[in-house]
N, C-alpha and C. Protein backbone atom coordinates (compact mmCIF):
# COMPACT_ATOMS: atom_id res chain seq x y z
N MET A 1 37.55 15.89 26.86
CA MET A 1 37.30 15.31 25.56
C MET A 1 35.84 15.54 25.15
N LYS A 2 35.66 16.04 23.97
CA LYS A 2 34.33 16.36 23.48
C LYS A 2 33.75 15.15 22.73
N HIS A 3 32.49 14.81 23.01
CA HIS A 3 31.82 13.68 22.36
C HIS A 3 30.74 14.20 21.42
N GLU A 4 30.67 13.60 20.28
CA GLU A 4 29.59 13.94 19.34
C GLU A 4 28.40 13.04 19.59
N VAL A 5 27.23 13.58 19.39
CA VAL A 5 26.00 12.82 19.57
C VAL A 5 25.37 12.62 18.20
N PHE A 6 25.05 11.37 17.89
CA PHE A 6 24.39 11.04 16.64
C PHE A 6 23.03 10.45 16.94
N ILE A 7 22.06 10.82 16.14
CA ILE A 7 20.71 10.25 16.28
C ILE A 7 20.48 9.36 15.07
N LEU A 8 20.23 8.10 15.34
CA LEU A 8 19.97 7.14 14.27
C LEU A 8 18.47 7.07 14.04
N ASP A 9 18.04 7.46 12.88
CA ASP A 9 16.61 7.40 12.53
C ASP A 9 16.42 6.30 11.50
N ASP A 10 15.96 5.16 11.96
CA ASP A 10 15.72 4.04 11.04
C ASP A 10 14.22 3.81 10.83
N SER A 11 13.44 4.87 11.03
CA SER A 11 11.99 4.73 10.93
C SER A 11 11.53 4.28 9.55
N GLU A 12 12.33 4.57 8.51
CA GLU A 12 11.93 4.12 7.18
C GLU A 12 12.01 2.61 7.04
N LEU A 13 12.65 1.95 7.99
CA LEU A 13 12.75 0.50 7.94
C LEU A 13 11.53 -0.18 8.57
N ASP A 14 10.65 0.60 9.14
CA ASP A 14 9.47 0.06 9.80
C ASP A 14 8.29 -0.08 8.85
N ILE A 15 8.56 -0.35 7.60
CA ILE A 15 7.50 -0.49 6.60
C ILE A 15 7.18 -1.98 6.44
N PRO A 16 5.95 -2.37 6.70
CA PRO A 16 5.62 -3.79 6.55
C PRO A 16 5.69 -4.24 5.09
N VAL A 17 5.95 -5.52 4.92
CA VAL A 17 6.04 -6.10 3.58
C VAL A 17 4.65 -6.18 2.95
N PHE A 18 3.64 -6.44 3.76
CA PHE A 18 2.27 -6.55 3.28
C PHE A 18 1.42 -5.40 3.82
N SER A 19 0.46 -4.97 3.02
CA SER A 19 -0.45 -3.90 3.43
C SER A 19 -1.83 -4.49 3.66
N SER A 20 -2.44 -4.12 4.77
CA SER A 20 -3.79 -4.61 5.07
C SER A 20 -4.82 -4.05 4.11
N ILE A 21 -4.47 -3.02 3.38
CA ILE A 21 -5.36 -2.43 2.38
C ILE A 21 -4.96 -2.93 0.99
N CYS A 22 -3.77 -2.63 0.58
CA CYS A 22 -3.34 -2.85 -0.80
C CYS A 22 -3.32 -4.31 -1.23
N CYS A 23 -2.93 -5.20 -0.35
CA CYS A 23 -2.83 -6.61 -0.72
C CYS A 23 -4.18 -7.23 -1.06
N TRP A 24 -5.26 -6.57 -0.70
CA TRP A 24 -6.61 -7.06 -0.99
C TRP A 24 -7.25 -6.33 -2.17
N CYS A 25 -6.51 -5.49 -2.84
CA CYS A 25 -7.05 -4.69 -3.93
C CYS A 25 -6.71 -5.30 -5.29
N VAL A 26 -7.66 -5.28 -6.22
CA VAL A 26 -7.45 -5.82 -7.56
C VAL A 26 -6.39 -5.04 -8.34
N HIS A 27 -6.12 -3.81 -7.95
CA HIS A 27 -5.18 -2.97 -8.69
C HIS A 27 -3.73 -3.10 -8.20
N TYR A 28 -3.54 -3.79 -7.08
CA TYR A 28 -2.20 -3.98 -6.53
C TYR A 28 -1.37 -4.86 -7.46
N LEU A 29 -0.10 -4.53 -7.64
CA LEU A 29 0.79 -5.28 -8.52
C LEU A 29 1.92 -5.93 -7.71
N PRO A 30 1.61 -7.03 -7.02
CA PRO A 30 2.62 -7.64 -6.12
C PRO A 30 3.84 -8.18 -6.86
N GLU A 31 3.67 -8.56 -8.11
CA GLU A 31 4.81 -9.11 -8.85
C GLU A 31 5.90 -8.09 -9.09
N LYS A 32 5.59 -6.81 -8.95
CA LYS A 32 6.58 -5.75 -9.17
C LYS A 32 7.48 -5.55 -7.94
N ARG A 33 7.00 -5.94 -6.76
CA ARG A 33 7.76 -5.88 -5.50
C ARG A 33 8.23 -4.47 -5.11
N ASP A 34 7.57 -3.46 -5.61
CA ASP A 34 7.97 -2.09 -5.29
C ASP A 34 6.84 -1.28 -4.68
N ARG A 35 5.88 -1.93 -4.06
CA ARG A 35 4.72 -1.24 -3.48
C ARG A 35 4.10 -0.30 -4.50
N ILE A 36 3.71 -0.86 -5.64
CA ILE A 36 3.05 -0.07 -6.68
C ILE A 36 1.74 -0.74 -7.08
N CYS A 37 0.89 0.04 -7.74
CA CYS A 37 -0.38 -0.46 -8.23
C CYS A 37 -0.76 0.37 -9.46
N LYS A 38 -1.88 0.04 -10.04
CA LYS A 38 -2.33 0.78 -11.22
C LYS A 38 -2.64 2.24 -10.88
N ALA A 39 -3.11 2.49 -9.67
CA ALA A 39 -3.43 3.86 -9.25
C ALA A 39 -2.16 4.67 -8.98
N PHE A 40 -1.15 4.00 -8.44
CA PHE A 40 0.09 4.68 -8.05
C PHE A 40 1.30 3.94 -8.64
N PRO A 41 1.54 4.10 -9.94
CA PRO A 41 2.64 3.39 -10.59
C PRO A 41 4.03 3.85 -10.13
N ASP A 42 4.09 4.99 -9.47
CA ASP A 42 5.37 5.48 -8.96
C ASP A 42 5.55 5.22 -7.47
N GLY A 43 4.61 4.50 -6.87
CA GLY A 43 4.70 4.17 -5.46
C GLY A 43 3.44 4.51 -4.70
N ILE A 44 2.94 3.56 -3.95
CA ILE A 44 1.73 3.74 -3.15
C ILE A 44 2.05 4.64 -1.97
N PRO A 45 1.24 5.69 -1.73
CA PRO A 45 1.49 6.58 -0.59
C PRO A 45 1.48 5.79 0.73
N MET A 46 2.36 6.18 1.63
CA MET A 46 2.48 5.47 2.91
C MET A 46 1.20 5.47 3.71
N ALA A 47 0.40 6.53 3.62
CA ALA A 47 -0.87 6.58 4.37
C ALA A 47 -1.78 5.44 3.95
N ILE A 48 -1.76 5.09 2.68
CA ILE A 48 -2.58 3.98 2.19
C ILE A 48 -1.90 2.66 2.53
N TRP A 49 -0.62 2.53 2.23
CA TRP A 49 0.10 1.27 2.48
C TRP A 49 0.03 0.87 3.96
N MET A 50 0.13 1.85 4.84
CA MET A 50 0.13 1.57 6.28
C MET A 50 -1.28 1.43 6.85
N GLY A 51 -2.33 1.60 6.02
CA GLY A 51 -3.69 1.39 6.48
C GLY A 51 -4.32 2.59 7.14
N GLU A 52 -3.69 3.75 7.07
CA GLU A 52 -4.25 4.96 7.66
C GLU A 52 -5.36 5.54 6.78
N ASN A 53 -5.36 5.15 5.51
CA ASN A 53 -6.38 5.59 4.55
C ASN A 53 -6.79 4.35 3.77
N ASP A 54 -8.10 4.05 3.71
CA ASP A 54 -8.54 2.82 3.04
C ASP A 54 -8.70 2.98 1.53
N HIS A 55 -8.46 4.14 1.02
CA HIS A 55 -8.50 4.47 -0.41
C HIS A 55 -9.84 4.11 -1.07
N LYS A 56 -10.91 4.26 -0.32
CA LYS A 56 -12.25 4.07 -0.88
C LYS A 56 -12.82 5.39 -1.37
N GLN A 57 -12.07 6.46 -1.18
CA GLN A 57 -12.39 7.79 -1.67
C GLN A 57 -11.20 8.25 -2.51
N PRO A 58 -11.41 9.19 -3.43
CA PRO A 58 -10.29 9.68 -4.23
C PRO A 58 -9.13 10.16 -3.36
N TYR A 59 -7.93 9.90 -3.84
CA TYR A 59 -6.71 10.30 -3.14
C TYR A 59 -5.81 10.98 -4.17
N LYS A 60 -5.18 12.05 -3.78
CA LYS A 60 -4.35 12.82 -4.71
C LYS A 60 -3.38 11.91 -5.47
N GLY A 61 -3.45 12.00 -6.80
CA GLY A 61 -2.54 11.26 -7.66
C GLY A 61 -2.96 9.85 -8.00
N ASP A 62 -4.20 9.45 -7.66
CA ASP A 62 -4.61 8.06 -7.90
C ASP A 62 -5.17 7.79 -9.31
N HIS A 63 -5.14 8.78 -10.17
CA HIS A 63 -5.60 8.63 -11.55
C HIS A 63 -7.04 8.13 -11.65
N GLY A 64 -7.85 8.42 -10.64
CA GLY A 64 -9.25 8.01 -10.64
C GLY A 64 -9.47 6.54 -10.31
N ILE A 65 -8.42 5.85 -9.91
CA ILE A 65 -8.51 4.42 -9.56
C ILE A 65 -8.50 4.32 -8.05
N MET A 66 -9.50 3.62 -7.49
CA MET A 66 -9.59 3.46 -6.05
C MET A 66 -9.65 1.99 -5.67
N PHE A 67 -9.63 1.73 -4.37
CA PHE A 67 -9.66 0.37 -3.85
C PHE A 67 -10.86 -0.41 -4.37
N GLU A 68 -10.59 -1.62 -4.85
CA GLU A 68 -11.63 -2.59 -5.23
C GLU A 68 -11.21 -3.93 -4.66
N LEU A 69 -12.08 -4.54 -3.90
CA LEU A 69 -11.76 -5.80 -3.23
C LEU A 69 -11.45 -6.91 -4.23
N ARG A 70 -10.33 -7.56 -4.01
CA ARG A 70 -9.93 -8.72 -4.81
C ARG A 70 -10.64 -9.95 -4.24
N MET A 71 -11.35 -10.66 -5.09
CA MET A 71 -12.04 -11.87 -4.68
C MET A 71 -11.11 -13.07 -4.96
N ILE A 72 -10.63 -13.70 -3.91
CA ILE A 72 -9.73 -14.83 -4.10
C ILE A 72 -10.51 -16.07 -4.55
N ASN A 73 -11.59 -16.36 -3.89
CA ASN A 73 -12.47 -17.45 -4.28
C ASN A 73 -13.86 -16.87 -4.47
N PRO A 74 -14.18 -16.44 -5.69
CA PRO A 74 -15.51 -15.84 -5.91
C PRO A 74 -16.62 -16.80 -5.52
N PRO A 75 -17.68 -16.27 -4.94
CA PRO A 75 -18.80 -17.14 -4.56
C PRO A 75 -19.43 -17.77 -5.80
N THR A 76 -19.88 -18.97 -5.63
CA THR A 76 -20.55 -19.66 -6.74
C THR A 76 -22.04 -19.72 -6.43
N THR A 77 -22.84 -19.72 -7.48
CA THR A 77 -24.28 -19.81 -7.29
C THR A 77 -24.69 -21.27 -7.40
N PRO A 78 -25.61 -21.68 -6.54
CA PRO A 78 -26.08 -23.06 -6.61
C PRO A 78 -26.79 -23.33 -7.95
N THR A 79 -26.65 -24.53 -8.44
CA THR A 79 -27.32 -24.89 -9.71
C THR A 79 -28.61 -25.62 -9.47
């Protein structure tokens, strides 16, 4: 009896919900829930989403928009 061998590749399921880079950027659009931002309206490249590239330098297709730190609680100046 001959047996077929199948290889299950579920590597595309290993994508984290949050990005250590993108979630801290002012251009990230979390309300869209599709891993998009102003720089990448058709989808953030996996190299950036996975933290392999911090997007502090131009990246192909970013429309000239790069990482800018989102300030959750901006510092206040003493009066």
